[in-house]
Amino acid sequence: MRAFNPPDWSAARDELRDVLNASGWPDDVIADAELALHELFVNAWKHAGSQAPLVVVVLLNRTLRVSVSDDSPDLPEQRASADPYELSGRGLHLVRSLTHRFGSDPRKRGKSVWFELDAAA
């Protein structure tokens, strides 16, 4: 039986914040990255049933890439239009608006959903 509350994502959030703070990223961009990470993390729990989504944070050449992996082979589908009065269904629209790129990749076991942010020059 799945718990009603999502698993603790604080370690992933702290790692993301530490990496971006150490590299001098602005606070507002860090907040956007945290929110996008939270959406992907909760989606891995809610839709894939993962109690421990795997989070990878990589900063390379001033591009941040965050991926969240789970064991479900079902790739996420962005709804054509997000009804502002629905209780759910806007997560991928939110990730798209907060990041420069996002997508998903099938893996041998499950999938990885990711986003990228580019640092200001």
PDB file of N, CA and C in Angstrom:
ATOM      1  N   MET A   1       0.838  -1.179   0.000  1.00  0.00           N
ATOM      2  CA  MET A   1       0.000   0.000   0.000  1.00  0.00           C
ATOM      3  C   MET A   1       0.889   1.250   0.000  1.00  0.00           C
ATOM      4  N   ARG A   2       0.572   2.187  -0.870  1.00  0.00           N
ATOM      5  CA  ARG A   2       1.357   3.405  -1.001  1.00  0.00           C
ATOM      6  C   ARG A   2       0.986   4.388   0.100  1.00  0.00           C
ATOM      7  N   ALA A   3       1.991   5.049   0.636  1.00  0.00           N
ATOM      8  CA  ALA A   3       1.755   6.074   1.660  1.00  0.00           C
ATOM      9  C   ALA A   3       1.041   7.267   1.026  1.00  0.00           C
ATOM     10  N   PHE A   4       0.306   8.011   1.848  1.00  0.00           N
ATOM     11  CA  PHE A   4      -0.407   9.174   1.344  1.00  0.00           C
ATOM     12  C   PHE A   4       0.512  10.364   1.111  1.00  0.00           C
ATOM     13  N   ASN A   5       1.625  10.399   1.809  1.00  0.00           N
ATOM     14  CA  ASN A   5       2.565  11.501   1.656  1.00  0.00           C
ATOM     15  C   ASN A   5       3.732  11.061   0.790  1.00  0.00           C
ATOM     16  N   PRO A   6       4.203  11.967  -0.061  1.00  0.00           N
ATOM     17  CA  PRO A   6       5.353  11.599  -0.894  1.00  0.00           C
ATOM     18  C   PRO A   6       6.592  11.391  -0.043  1.00  0.00           C
ATOM     19  N   PRO A   7       7.545  10.641  -0.568  1.00  0.00           N
ATOM     20  CA  PRO A   7       8.798  10.449   0.165  1.00  0.00           C
ATOM     21  C   PRO A   7       9.525  11.779   0.347  1.00  0.00           C
ATOM     22  N   ASP A   8      10.419  11.800   1.305  1.00  0.00           N
ATOM     23  CA  ASP A   8      11.182  13.005   1.621  1.00  0.00           C
ATOM     24  C   ASP A   8      12.135  13.345   0.471  1.00  0.00           C
ATOM     25  N   TRP A   9      11.997  14.527  -0.041  1.00  0.00           N
ATOM     26  CA  TRP A   9      12.842  14.952  -1.152  1.00  0.00           C
ATOM     27  C   TRP A   9      13.891  15.968  -0.704  1.00  0.00           C
ATOM     28  N   SER A  10      14.026  16.176   0.607  1.00  0.00           N
ATOM     29  CA  SER A  10      14.909  17.227   1.114  1.00  0.00           C
ATOM     30  C   SER A  10      16.376  17.006   0.745  1.00  0.00           C
ATOM     31  N   ALA A  11      16.851  15.767   0.712  1.00  0.00           N
ATOM     32  CA  ALA A  11      18.258  15.523   0.346  1.00  0.00           C
ATOM     33  C   ALA A  11      18.512  15.947  -1.098  1.00  0.00           C
ATOM     34  N   ALA A  12      17.582  15.622  -1.993  1.00  0.00           N
ATOM     35  CA  ALA A  12      17.736  16.016  -3.403  1.00  0.00           C
ATOM     36  C   ALA A  12      17.677  17.536  -3.537  1.00  0.00           C
ATOM     37  N   ARG A  13      16.737  18.159  -2.833  1.00  0.00           N
ATOM     38  CA  ARG A  13      16.612  19.616  -2.881  1.00  0.00           C
ATOM     39  C   ARG A  13      17.884  20.279  -2.342  1.00  0.00           C
ATOM     40  N   ASP A  14      18.395  19.775  -1.222  1.00  0.00           N
ATOM     41  CA  ASP A  14      19.601  20.353  -0.630  1.00  0.00           C
ATOM     42  C   ASP A  14      20.804  20.211  -1.559  1.00  0.00           C
ATOM     43  N   GLU A  15      20.936  19.056  -2.210  1.00  0.00           N
ATOM     44  CA  GLU A  15      22.038  18.850  -3.162  1.00  0.00           C
ATOM     45  C   GLU A  15      21.935  19.836  -4.314  1.00  0.00           C
ATOM     46  N   LEU A  16      20.743  19.987  -4.858  1.00  0.00           N
ATOM     47  CA  LEU A  16      20.518  20.936  -5.948  1.00  0.00           C
ATOM     48  C   LEU A  16      20.881  22.344  -5.510  1.00  0.00           C
ATOM     49  N   ARG A  17      20.394  22.760  -4.362  1.00  0.00           N
ATOM     50  CA  ARG A  17      20.665  24.105  -3.846  1.00  0.00           C
ATOM     51  C   ARG A  17      22.160  24.313  -3.606  1.00  0.00           C
ATOM     52  N   ASP A  18      22.826  23.331  -3.023  1.00  0.00           N
ATOM     53  CA  ASP A  18      24.265  23.448  -2.754  1.00  0.00           C
ATOM     54  C   ASP A  18      25.065  23.614  -4.037  1.00  0.00           C
ATOM     55  N   VAL A  19      24.746  22.804  -5.045  1.00  0.00           N
ATOM     56  CA  VAL A  19      25.465  22.879  -6.331  1.00  0.00           C
ATOM     57  C   VAL A  19      25.283  24.259  -6.959  1.00  0.00           C
ATOM     58  N   LEU A  20      24.058  24.751  -6.987  1.00  0.00           N
ATOM     59  CA  LEU A  20      23.795  26.035  -7.642  1.00  0.00           C
ATOM     60  C   LEU A  20      24.321  27.216  -6.831  1.00  0.00           C
ATOM     61  N   ASN A  21      24.216  27.161  -5.511  1.00  0.00           N
ATOM     62  CA  ASN A  21      24.784  28.235  -4.679  1.00  0.00           C
ATOM     63  C   ASN A  21      26.291  28.307  -4.845  1.00  0.00           C
ATOM     64  N   ALA A  22      26.966  27.153  -4.857  1.00  0.00           N
ATOM     65  CA  ALA A  22      28.422  27.121  -5.008  1.00  0.00           C
ATOM     66  C   ALA A  22      28.869  27.670  -6.360  1.00  0.00           C
ATOM     67  N   SER A  23      27.988  27.597  -7.336  1.00  0.00           N
ATOM     68  CA  SER A  23      28.318  28.092  -8.678  1.00  0.00           C
ATOM     69  C   SER A  23      27.819  29.504  -8.931  1.00  0.00           C
ATOM     70  N   GLY A  24      27.215  30.131  -7.904  1.00  0.00           N
ATOM     71  CA  GLY A  24      26.812  31.525  -8.014  1.00  0.00           C
ATOM     72  C   GLY A  24      25.521  31.779  -8.774  1.00  0.00           C
ATOM     73  N   TRP A  25      24.642  30.798  -8.842  1.00  0.00           N
ATOM     74  CA  TRP A  25      23.373  31.002  -9.544  1.00  0.00           C
ATOM     75  C   TRP A  25      22.469  31.903  -8.698  1.00  0.00           C
ATOM     76  N   PRO A  26      21.654  32.728  -9.339  1.00  0.00           N
ATOM     77  CA  PRO A  26      20.763  33.629  -8.595  1.00  0.00           C
ATOM     78  C   PRO A  26      19.671  32.861  -7.851  1.00  0.00           C
ATOM     79  N   ASP A  27      19.225  33.446  -6.736  1.00  0.00           N
ATOM     80  CA  ASP A  27      18.222  32.808  -5.889  1.00  0.00           C
ATOM     81  C   ASP A  27      16.923  32.494  -6.621  1.00  0.00           C
ATOM     82  N   ASP A  28      16.485  33.386  -7.523  1.00  0.00           N
ATOM     83  CA  ASP A  28      15.222  33.138  -8.217  1.00  0.00           C
ATOM     84  C   ASP A  28      15.327  31.949  -9.166  1.00  0.00           C
ATOM     85  N   VAL A  29      16.481  31.750  -9.773  1.00  0.00           N
ATOM     86  CA  VAL A  29      16.674  30.604 -10.658  1.00  0.00           C
ATOM     87  C   VAL A  29      16.767  29.322  -9.831  1.00  0.00           C
ATOM     88  N   ILE A  30      17.410  29.406  -8.674  1.00  0.00           N
ATOM     89  CA  ILE A  30      17.482  28.253  -7.772  1.00  0.00           C
ATOM     90  C   ILE A  30      16.071  27.844  -7.343  1.00  0.00           C
ATOM     91  N   ALA A  31      15.237  28.828  -7.020  1.00  0.00           N
ATOM     92  CA  ALA A  31      13.853  28.535  -6.628  1.00  0.00           C
ATOM     93  C   ALA A  31      13.090  27.861  -7.766  1.00  0.00           C
ATOM     94  N   ASP A  32      13.296  28.313  -8.997  1.00  0.00           N
ATOM     95  CA  ASP A  32      12.651  27.678 -10.158  1.00  0.00           C
ATOM     96  C   ASP A  32      13.106  26.227 -10.308  1.00  0.00           C
ATOM     97  N   ALA A  33      14.410  26.002 -10.146  1.00  0.00           N
ATOM     98  CA  ALA A  33      14.959  24.643 -10.263  1.00  0.00           C
ATOM     99  C   ALA A  33      14.395  23.739  -9.169  1.00  0.00           C
ATOM    100  N   GLU A  34      14.270  24.273  -7.960  1.00  0.00           N
ATOM    101  CA  GLU A  34      13.709  23.488  -6.855  1.00  0.00           C
ATOM    102  C   GLU A  34      12.254  23.109  -7.125  1.00  0.00           C
ATOM    103  N   LEU A  35      11.488  24.038  -7.640  1.00  0.00           N
ATOM    104  CA  LEU A  35      10.080  23.758  -7.929  1.00  0.00           C
ATOM    105  C   LEU A  35       9.954  22.724  -9.048  1.00  0.00           C
ATOM    106  N   ALA A  36      10.772  22.850 -10.090  1.00  0.00           N
ATOM    107  CA  ALA A  36      10.738  21.868 -11.174  1.00  0.00           C
ATOM    108  C   ALA A  36      11.140  20.487 -10.659  1.00  0.00           C
ATOM    109  N   LEU A  37      12.172  20.431  -9.824  1.00  0.00           N
ATOM    110  CA  LEU A  37      12.577  19.156  -9.223  1.00  0.00           C
ATOM    111  C   LEU A  37      11.441  18.572  -8.397  1.00  0.00           C
ATOM    112  N   HIS A  38      10.804  19.392  -7.593  1.00  0.00           N
ATOM    113  CA  HIS A  38       9.705  18.917  -6.754  1.00  0.00           C
ATOM    114  C   HIS A  38       8.588  18.316  -7.609  1.00  0.00           C
ATOM    115  N   GLU A  39       8.235  18.965  -8.710  1.00  0.00           N
ATOM    116  CA  GLU A  39       7.195  18.438  -9.596  1.00  0.00           C
ATOM    117  C   GLU A  39       7.569  17.061 -10.135  1.00  0.00           C
ATOM    118  N   LEU A  40       8.807  16.915 -10.616  1.00  0.00           N
ATOM    119  CA  LEU A  40       9.220  15.622 -11.166  1.00  0.00           C
ATOM    120  C   LEU A  40       9.282  14.553 -10.080  1.00  0.00           C
ATOM    121  N   PHE A  41       9.747  14.930  -8.905  1.00  0.00           N
ATOM    122  CA  PHE A  41       9.870  13.988  -7.794  1.00  0.00           C
ATOM    123  C   PHE A  41       8.495  13.479  -7.358  1.00  0.00           C
ATOM    124  N   VAL A  42       7.562  14.398  -7.182  1.00  0.00           N
ATOM    125  CA  VAL A  42       6.214  14.009  -6.767  1.00  0.00           C
ATOM    126  C   VAL A  42       5.533  13.192  -7.860  1.00  0.00           C
ATOM    127  N   ASN A  43       5.756  13.550  -9.121  1.00  0.00           N
ATOM    128  CA  ASN A  43       5.171  12.761 -10.216  1.00  0.00           C
ATOM    129  C   ASN A  43       5.691  11.328 -10.206  1.00  0.00           C
ATOM    130  N   ALA A  44       6.974  11.147  -9.901  1.00  0.00           N
ATOM    131  CA  ALA A  44       7.540   9.790  -9.838  1.00  0.00           C
ATOM    132  C   ALA A  44       6.883   8.984  -8.729  1.00  0.00           C
ATOM    133  N   TRP A  45       6.554   9.650  -7.641  1.00  0.00           N
ATOM    134  CA  TRP A  45       5.862   8.971  -6.542  1.00  0.00           C
ATOM    135  C   TRP A  45       4.394   8.734  -6.884  1.00  0.00           C
ATOM    136  N   LYS A  46       3.732   9.783  -7.338  1.00  0.00           N
ATOM    137  CA  LYS A  46       2.285   9.732  -7.542  1.00  0.00           C
ATOM    138  C   LYS A  46       1.888   8.834  -8.715  1.00  0.00           C
ATOM    139  N   HIS A  47       2.566   8.971  -9.841  1.00  0.00           N
ATOM    140  CA  HIS A  47       2.152   8.262 -11.051  1.00  0.00           C
ATOM    141  C   HIS A  47       2.891   6.949 -11.268  1.00  0.00           C
ATOM    142  N   ALA A  48       4.105   6.831 -10.724  1.00  0.00           N
ATOM    143  CA  ALA A  48       4.879   5.604 -10.926  1.00  0.00           C
ATOM    144  C   ALA A  48       4.953   4.755  -9.670  1.00  0.00           C
ATOM    145  N   GLY A  49       4.475   5.291  -8.551  1.00  0.00           N
ATOM    146  CA  GLY A  49       4.482   4.535  -7.306  1.00  0.00           C
ATOM    147  C   GLY A  49       5.847   4.348  -6.691  1.00  0.00           C
ATOM    148  N   SER A  50       6.797   5.193  -7.068  1.00  0.00           N
ATOM    149  CA  SER A  50       8.163   5.067  -6.557  1.00  0.00           C
ATOM    150  C   SER A  50       8.287   5.712  -5.183  1.00  0.00           C
ATOM    151  N   GLN A  51       8.715   4.929  -4.199  1.00  0.00           N
ATOM    152  CA  GLN A  51       8.945   5.469  -2.860  1.00  0.00           C
ATOM    153  C   GLN A  51      10.330   6.096  -2.730  1.00  0.00           C
ATOM    154  N   ALA A  52      11.194   5.838  -3.695  1.00  0.00           N
ATOM    155  CA  ALA A  52      12.544   6.400  -3.656  1.00  0.00           C
ATOM    156  C   ALA A  52      13.013   6.732  -5.072  1.00  0.00           C
ATOM    157  N   PRO A  53      12.440   7.776  -5.677  1.00  0.00           N
ATOM    158  CA  PRO A  53      12.896   8.156  -7.012  1.00  0.00           C
ATOM    159  C   PRO A  53      14.387   8.497  -6.989  1.00  0.00           C
ATOM    160  N   LEU A  54      15.087   8.085  -8.019  1.00  0.00           N
ATOM    161  CA  LEU A  54      16.516   8.380  -8.144  1.00  0.00           C
ATOM    162  C   LEU A  54      16.672   9.761  -8.767  1.00  0.00           C
ATOM    163  N   VAL A  55      17.377  10.650  -8.068  1.00  0.00           N
ATOM    164  CA  VAL A  55      17.593  12.012  -8.549  1.00  0.00           C
ATOM    165  C   VAL A  55      19.077  12.185  -8.849  1.00  0.00           C
ATOM    166  N   VAL A  56      19.359  12.704 -10.045  1.00  0.00           N
ATOM    167  CA  VAL A  56      20.738  13.006 -10.439  1.00  0.00           C
ATOM    168  C   VAL A  56      20.801  14.483 -10.810  1.00  0.00           C
ATOM    169  N   VAL A  57      21.734  15.194 -10.180  1.00  0.00           N
ATOM    170  CA  VAL A  57      21.951  16.619 -10.429  1.00  0.00           C
ATOM    171  C   VAL A  57      23.332  16.766 -11.043  1.00  0.00           C
ATOM    172  N   VAL A  58      23.383  17.348 -12.242  1.00  0.00           N
ATOM    173  CA  VAL A  58      24.657  17.532 -12.941  1.00  0.00           C
ATOM    174  C   VAL A  58      24.748  18.977 -13.420  1.00  0.00           C
ATOM    175  N   LEU A  59      25.880  19.614 -13.167  1.00  0.00           N
ATOM    176  CA  LEU A  59      26.151  20.955 -13.667  1.00  0.00           C
ATOM    177  C   LEU A  59      27.391  20.862 -14.538  1.00  0.00           C
ATOM    178  N   LEU A  60      27.214  21.116 -15.827  1.00  0.00           N
ATOM    179  CA  LEU A  60      28.314  20.991 -16.780  1.00  0.00           C
ATOM    180  C   LEU A  60      28.266  22.168 -17.744  1.00  0.00           C
ATOM    181  N   ASN A  61      29.364  22.887 -17.819  1.00  0.00           N
ATOM    182  CA  ASN A  61      29.452  24.037 -18.721  1.00  0.00           C
ATOM    183  C   ASN A  61      28.298  25.010 -18.538  1.00  0.00           C
ATOM    184  N   ARG A  62      27.970  25.305 -17.289  1.00  0.00           N
ATOM    185  CA  ARG A  62      26.926  26.271 -16.928  1.00  0.00           C
ATOM    186  C   ARG A  62      25.524  25.848 -17.361  1.00  0.00           C
ATOM    187  N   THR A  63      25.344  24.553 -17.613  1.00  0.00           N
ATOM    188  CA  THR A  63      24.011  23.995 -17.849  1.00  0.00           C
ATOM    189  C   THR A  63      23.712  22.999 -16.741  1.00  0.00           C
ATOM    190  N   LEU A  64      22.591  23.214 -16.088  1.00  0.00           N
ATOM    191  CA  LEU A  64      22.121  22.310 -15.051  1.00  0.00           C
ATOM    192  C   LEU A  64      21.204  21.280 -15.696  1.00  0.00           C
ATOM    193  N   ARG A  65      21.424  20.015 -15.375  1.00  0.00           N
ATOM    194  CA  ARG A  65      20.522  18.951 -15.809  1.00  0.00           C
ATOM    195  C   ARG A  65      20.134  18.149 -14.571  1.00  0.00           C
ATOM    196  N   VAL A  66      18.838  18.060 -14.352  1.00  0.00           N
ATOM    197  CA  VAL A  66      18.298  17.300 -13.230  1.00  0.00           C
ATOM    198  C   VAL A  66      17.420  16.207 -13.814  1.00  0.00           C
ATOM    199  N   SER A  67      17.663  14.972 -13.395  1.00  0.00           N
ATOM    200  CA  SER A  67      16.817  13.876 -13.852  1.00  0.00           C
ATOM    201  C   SER A  67      16.277  13.115 -12.652  1.00  0.00           C
ATOM    202  N   VAL A  68      15.043  12.666 -12.802  1.00  0.00           N
ATOM    203  CA  VAL A  68      14.365  11.885 -11.778  1.00  0.00           C
ATOM    204  C   VAL A  68      13.921  10.585 -12.448  1.00  0.00           C
ATOM    205  N   SER A  69      14.390   9.469 -11.903  1.00  0.00           N
ATOM    206  CA  SER A  69      14.106   8.176 -12.517  1.00  0.00           C
ATOM    207  C   SER A  69      13.248   7.323 -11.602  1.00  0.00           C
ATOM    208  N   ASP A  70      12.419   6.497 -12.236  1.00  0.00           N
ATOM    209  CA  ASP A  70      11.577   5.548 -11.507  1.00  0.00           C
ATOM    210  C   ASP A  70      11.478   4.271 -12.327  1.00  0.00           C
ATOM    211  N   ASP A  71      10.780   3.280 -11.794  1.00  0.00           N
ATOM    212  CA  ASP A  71      10.709   1.967 -12.427  1.00  0.00           C
ATOM    213  C   ASP A  71       9.561   1.805 -13.410  1.00  0.00           C
ATOM    214  N   SER A  72       8.706   2.802 -13.550  1.00  0.00           N
ATOM    215  CA  SER A  72       7.580   2.686 -14.468  1.00  0.00           C
ATOM    216  C   SER A  72       8.022   2.960 -15.903  1.00  0.00           C
ATOM    217  N   PRO A  73       7.627   2.107 -16.844  1.00  0.00           N
ATOM    218  CA  PRO A  73       7.988   2.348 -18.240  1.00  0.00           C
ATOM    219  C   PRO A  73       7.104   3.405 -18.909  1.00  0.00           C
ATOM    220  N   ASP A  74       6.035   3.836 -18.239  1.00  0.00           N
ATOM    221  CA  ASP A  74       5.097   4.786 -18.831  1.00  0.00           C
ATOM    222  C   ASP A  74       5.702   6.182 -18.866  1.00  0.00           C
ATOM    223  N   LEU A  75       5.897   6.699 -20.085  1.00  0.00           N
ATOM    224  CA  LEU A  75       6.441   8.043 -20.235  1.00  0.00           C
ATOM    225  C   LEU A  75       5.356   9.069 -19.913  1.00  0.00           C
ATOM    226  N   PRO A  76       5.745  10.198 -19.323  1.00  0.00           N
ATOM    227  CA  PRO A  76       4.744  11.211 -18.977  1.00  0.00           C
ATOM    228  C   PRO A  76       4.166  11.835 -20.241  1.00  0.00           C
ATOM    229  N   GLU A  77       2.910  12.218 -20.132  1.00  0.00           N
ATOM    230  CA  GLU A  77       2.240  12.890 -21.239  1.00  0.00           C
ATOM    231  C   GLU A  77       1.748  14.240 -20.758  1.00  0.00           C
ATOM    232  N   GLN A  78       2.154  15.268 -21.477  1.00  0.00           N
ATOM    233  CA  GLN A  78       1.696  16.610 -21.138  1.00  0.00           C
ATOM    234  C   GLN A  78       0.305  16.804 -21.723  1.00  0.00           C
ATOM    235  N   ARG A  79      -0.608  17.262 -20.917  1.00  0.00           N
ATOM    236  CA  ARG A  79      -1.968  17.516 -21.396  1.00  0.00           C
ATOM    237  C   ARG A  79      -1.956  18.672 -22.378  1.00  0.00           C
ATOM    238  N   ALA A  80      -2.822  18.561 -23.385  1.00  0.00           N
ATOM    239  CA  ALA A  80      -2.885  19.604 -24.413  1.00  0.00           C
ATOM    240  C   ALA A  80      -3.206  20.959 -23.799  1.00  0.00           C
ATOM    241  N   SER A  81      -4.134  20.993 -22.878  1.00  0.00           N
ATOM    242  CA  SER A  81      -4.448  22.242 -22.181  1.00  0.00           C
ATOM    243  C   SER A  81      -4.680  21.912 -20.717  1.00  0.00           C
ATOM    244  N   ALA A  82      -4.156  22.738 -19.880  1.00  0.00           N
ATOM    245  CA  ALA A  82      -4.300  22.537 -18.444  1.00  0.00           C
ATOM    246  C   ALA A  82      -5.420  23.433 -17.933  1.00  0.00           C
ATOM    247  N   ASP A  83      -6.454  22.814 -17.441  1.00  0.00           N
ATOM    248  CA  ASP A  83      -7.573  23.551 -16.871  1.00  0.00           C
ATOM    249  C   ASP A  83      -7.131  24.133 -15.526  1.00  0.00           C
ATOM    250  N   PRO A  84      -7.194  25.455 -15.378  1.00  0.00           N
ATOM    251  CA  PRO A  84      -6.712  26.063 -14.134  1.00  0.00           C
ATOM    252  C   PRO A  84      -7.527  25.664 -12.909  1.00  0.00           C
ATOM    253  N   TYR A  85      -8.696  25.055 -13.097  1.00  0.00           N
ATOM    254  CA  TYR A  85      -9.541  24.661 -11.971  1.00  0.00           C
ATOM    255  C   TYR A  85      -9.386  23.186 -11.600  1.00  0.00           C
ATOM    256  N   GLU A  86      -8.618  22.440 -12.375  1.00  0.00           N
ATOM    257  CA  GLU A  86      -8.356  21.039 -12.039  1.00  0.00           C
ATOM    258  C   GLU A  86      -7.371  20.972 -10.884  1.00  0.00           C
ATOM    259  N   LEU A  87      -7.491  19.917 -10.085  1.00  0.00           N
ATOM    260  CA  LEU A  87      -6.597  19.749  -8.940  1.00  0.00           C
ATOM    261  C   LEU A  87      -5.229  19.232  -9.345  1.00  0.00           C
ATOM    262  N   SER A  88      -5.114  18.636 -10.511  1.00  0.00           N
ATOM    263  CA  SER A  88      -3.826  18.124 -10.973  1.00  0.00           C
ATOM    264  C   SER A  88      -3.762  18.258 -12.492  1.00  0.00           C
ATOM    265  N   GLY A  89      -2.599  17.931 -13.050  1.00  0.00           N
ATOM    266  CA  GLY A  89      -2.462  17.946 -14.501  1.00  0.00           C
ATOM    267  C   GLY A  89      -1.683  19.114 -15.052  1.00  0.00           C
ATOM    268  N   ARG A  90      -1.186  19.978 -14.195  1.00  0.00           N
ATOM    269  CA  ARG A  90      -0.435  21.137 -14.685  1.00  0.00           C
ATOM    270  C   ARG A  90       1.064  21.032 -14.436  1.00  0.00           C
ATOM    271  N   GLY A  91       1.509  19.928 -13.857  1.00  0.00           N
ATOM    272  CA  GLY A  91       2.904  19.785 -13.470  1.00  0.00           C
ATOM    273  C   GLY A  91       3.887  19.935 -14.614  1.00  0.00           C
ATOM    274  N   LEU A  92       3.638  19.256 -15.723  1.00  0.00           N
ATOM    275  CA  LEU A  92       4.577  19.351 -16.842  1.00  0.00           C
ATOM    276  C   LEU A  92       4.518  20.720 -17.511  1.00  0.00           C
ATOM    277  N   HIS A  93       3.354  21.363 -17.496  1.00  0.00           N
ATOM    278  CA  HIS A  93       3.269  22.744 -17.994  1.00  0.00           C
ATOM    279  C   HIS A  93       4.126  23.653 -17.118  1.00  0.00           C
ATOM    280  N   LEU A  94       4.080  23.418 -15.819  1.00  0.00           N
ATOM    281  CA  LEU A  94       4.888  24.202 -14.892  1.00  0.00           C
ATOM    282  C   LEU A  94       6.379  23.968 -15.137  1.00  0.00           C
ATOM    283  N   VAL A  95       6.774  22.717 -15.278  1.00  0.00           N
ATOM    284  CA  VAL A  95       8.186  22.407 -15.550  1.00  0.00           C
ATOM    285  C   VAL A  95       8.627  23.072 -16.852  1.00  0.00           C
ATOM    286  N   ARG A  96       7.793  23.001 -17.873  1.00  0.00           N
ATOM    287  CA  ARG A  96       8.130  23.643 -19.156  1.00  0.00           C
ATOM    288  C   ARG A  96       8.316  25.147 -18.992  1.00  0.00           C
ATOM    289  N   SER A  97       7.473  25.794 -18.184  1.00  0.00           N
ATOM    290  CA  SER A  97       7.566  27.245 -18.039  1.00  0.00           C
ATOM    291  C   SER A  97       8.758  27.674 -17.184  1.00  0.00           C
ATOM    292  N   LEU A  98       9.241  26.794 -16.305  1.00  0.00           N
ATOM    293  CA  LEU A  98      10.343  27.139 -15.406  1.00  0.00           C
ATOM    294  C   LEU A  98      11.725  26.819 -15.968  1.00  0.00           C
ATOM    295  N   THR A  99      11.786  25.968 -16.978  1.00  0.00           N
ATOM    296  CA  THR A  99      13.072  25.458 -17.452  1.00  0.00           C
ATOM    297  C   THR A  99      13.288  25.778 -18.927  1.00  0.00           C
ATOM    298  N   HIS A 100      14.506  25.565 -19.398  1.00  0.00           N
ATOM    299  CA  HIS A 100      14.804  25.791 -20.809  1.00  0.00           C
ATOM    300  C   HIS A 100      14.452  24.583 -21.672  1.00  0.00           C
ATOM    301  N   ARG A 101      14.616  23.385 -21.117  1.00  0.00           N
ATOM    302  CA  ARG A 101      14.304  22.150 -21.841  1.00  0.00           C
ATOM    303  C   ARG A 101      13.854  21.103 -20.844  1.00  0.00           C
ATOM    304  N   PHE A 102      12.992  20.204 -21.289  1.00  0.00           N
ATOM    305  CA  PHE A 102      12.659  19.054 -20.470  1.00  0.00           C
ATOM    306  C   PHE A 102      12.213  17.924 -21.386  1.00  0.00           C
ATOM    307  N   GLY A 103      12.290  16.725 -20.858  1.00  0.00           N
ATOM    308  CA  GLY A 103      11.882  15.572 -21.648  1.00  0.00           C
ATOM    309  C   GLY A 103      11.936  14.313 -20.808  1.00  0.00           C
ATOM    310  N   SER A 104      11.799  13.196 -21.483  1.00  0.00           N
ATOM    311  CA  SER A 104      11.865  11.912 -20.791  1.00  0.00           C
ATOM    312  C   SER A 104      12.540  10.903 -21.699  1.00  0.00           C
ATOM    313  N   ASP A 105      13.204   9.961 -21.084  1.00  0.00           N
ATOM    314  CA  ASP A 105      13.920   8.921 -21.814  1.00  0.00           C
ATOM    315  C   ASP A 105      13.590   7.571 -21.203  1.00  0.00           C
ATOM    316  N   PRO A 106      13.225   6.606 -22.056  1.00  0.00           N
ATOM    317  CA  PRO A 106      13.040   5.257 -21.526  1.00  0.00           C
ATOM    318  C   PRO A 106      14.393   4.695 -21.094  1.00  0.00           C
ATOM    319  N   ARG A 107      14.354   3.869 -20.080  1.00  0.00           N
ATOM    320  CA  ARG A 107      15.557   3.181 -19.612  1.00  0.00           C
ATOM    321  C   ARG A 107      15.298   1.689 -19.665  1.00  0.00           C
ATOM    322  N   LYS A 108      16.341   0.928 -19.465  1.00  0.00           N
ATOM    323  CA  LYS A 108      16.183  -0.520 -19.463  1.00  0.00           C
ATOM    324  C   LYS A 108      15.101  -0.933 -18.455  1.00  0.00           C
ATOM    325  N   ARG A 109      15.090  -0.268 -17.337  1.00  0.00           N
ATOM    326  CA  ARG A 109      14.075  -0.509 -16.311  1.00  0.00           C
ATOM    327  C   ARG A 109      13.465   0.837 -15.926  1.00  0.00           C
ATOM    328  N   GLY A 110      12.319   1.154 -16.487  1.00  0.00           N
ATOM    329  CA  GLY A 110      11.637   2.388 -16.141  1.00  0.00           C
ATOM    330  C   GLY A 110      11.941   3.523 -17.089  1.00  0.00           C
ATOM    331  N   LYS A 111      12.014   4.716 -16.512  1.00  0.00           N
ATOM    332  CA  LYS A 111      12.247   5.921 -17.310  1.00  0.00           C
ATOM    333  C   LYS A 111      12.975   6.969 -16.480  1.00  0.00           C
ATOM    334  N   SER A 112      13.462   7.968 -17.166  1.00  0.00           N
ATOM    335  CA  SER A 112      14.074   9.129 -16.545  1.00  0.00           C
ATOM    336  C   SER A 112      13.403  10.366 -17.130  1.00  0.00           C
ATOM    337  N   VAL A 113      12.922  11.241 -16.276  1.00  0.00           N
ATOM    338  CA  VAL A 113      12.324  12.507 -16.697  1.00  0.00           C
ATOM    339  C   VAL A 113      13.291  13.602 -16.249  1.00  0.00           C
ATOM    340  N   TRP A 114      13.598  14.527 -17.135  1.00  0.00           N
ATOM    341  CA  TRP A 114      14.660  15.479 -16.861  1.00  0.00           C
ATOM    342  C   TRP A 114      14.267  16.892 -17.287  1.00  0.00           C
ATOM    343  N   PHE A 115      15.039  17.853 -16.754  1.00  0.00           N
ATOM    344  CA  PHE A 115      14.954  19.237 -17.234  1.00  0.00           C
ATOM    345  C   PHE A 115      16.354  19.826 -17.239  1.00  0.00           C
ATOM    346  N   GLU A 116      16.511  20.884 -18.017  1.00  0.00           N
ATOM    347  CA  GLU A 116      17.770  21.627 -18.079  1.00  0.00           C
ATOM    348  C   GLU A 116      17.508  23.113 -17.934  1.00  0.00           C
ATOM    349  N   LEU A 117      18.442  23.769 -17.259  1.00  0.00           N
ATOM    350  CA  LEU A 117      18.464  25.220 -17.124  1.00  0.00           C
ATOM    351  C   LEU A 117      19.847  25.702 -17.518  1.00  0.00           C
ATOM    352  N   ASP A 118      19.907  26.775 -18.260  1.00  0.00           N
ATOM    353  CA  ASP A 118      21.180  27.378 -18.638  1.00  0.00           C
ATOM    354  C   ASP A 118      21.435  28.591 -17.756  1.00  0.00           C
ATOM    355  N   ALA A 119      22.652  28.722 -17.310  1.00  0.00           N
ATOM    356  CA  ALA A 119      23.032  29.884 -16.499  1.00  0.00           C
ATOM    357  C   ALA A 119      23.122  31.113 -17.395  1.00  0.00           C
ATOM    358  N   ALA A 120      22.832  32.259 -16.815  1.00  0.00           N
ATOM    359  CA  ALA A 120      22.998  33.520 -17.557  1.00  0.00           C
ATOM    360  C   ALA A 120      24.476  33.721 -17.827  1.00  0.00           C
ATOM    361  N   ALA A 121      24.780  34.255 -18.980  1.00  0.00           N
ATOM    362  CA  ALA A 121      26.183  34.467 -19.361  1.00  0.00           C
ATOM    363  C   ALA A 121      26.850  35.522 -18.523  1.00  0.00           C
TER     364      ALA A 121
END
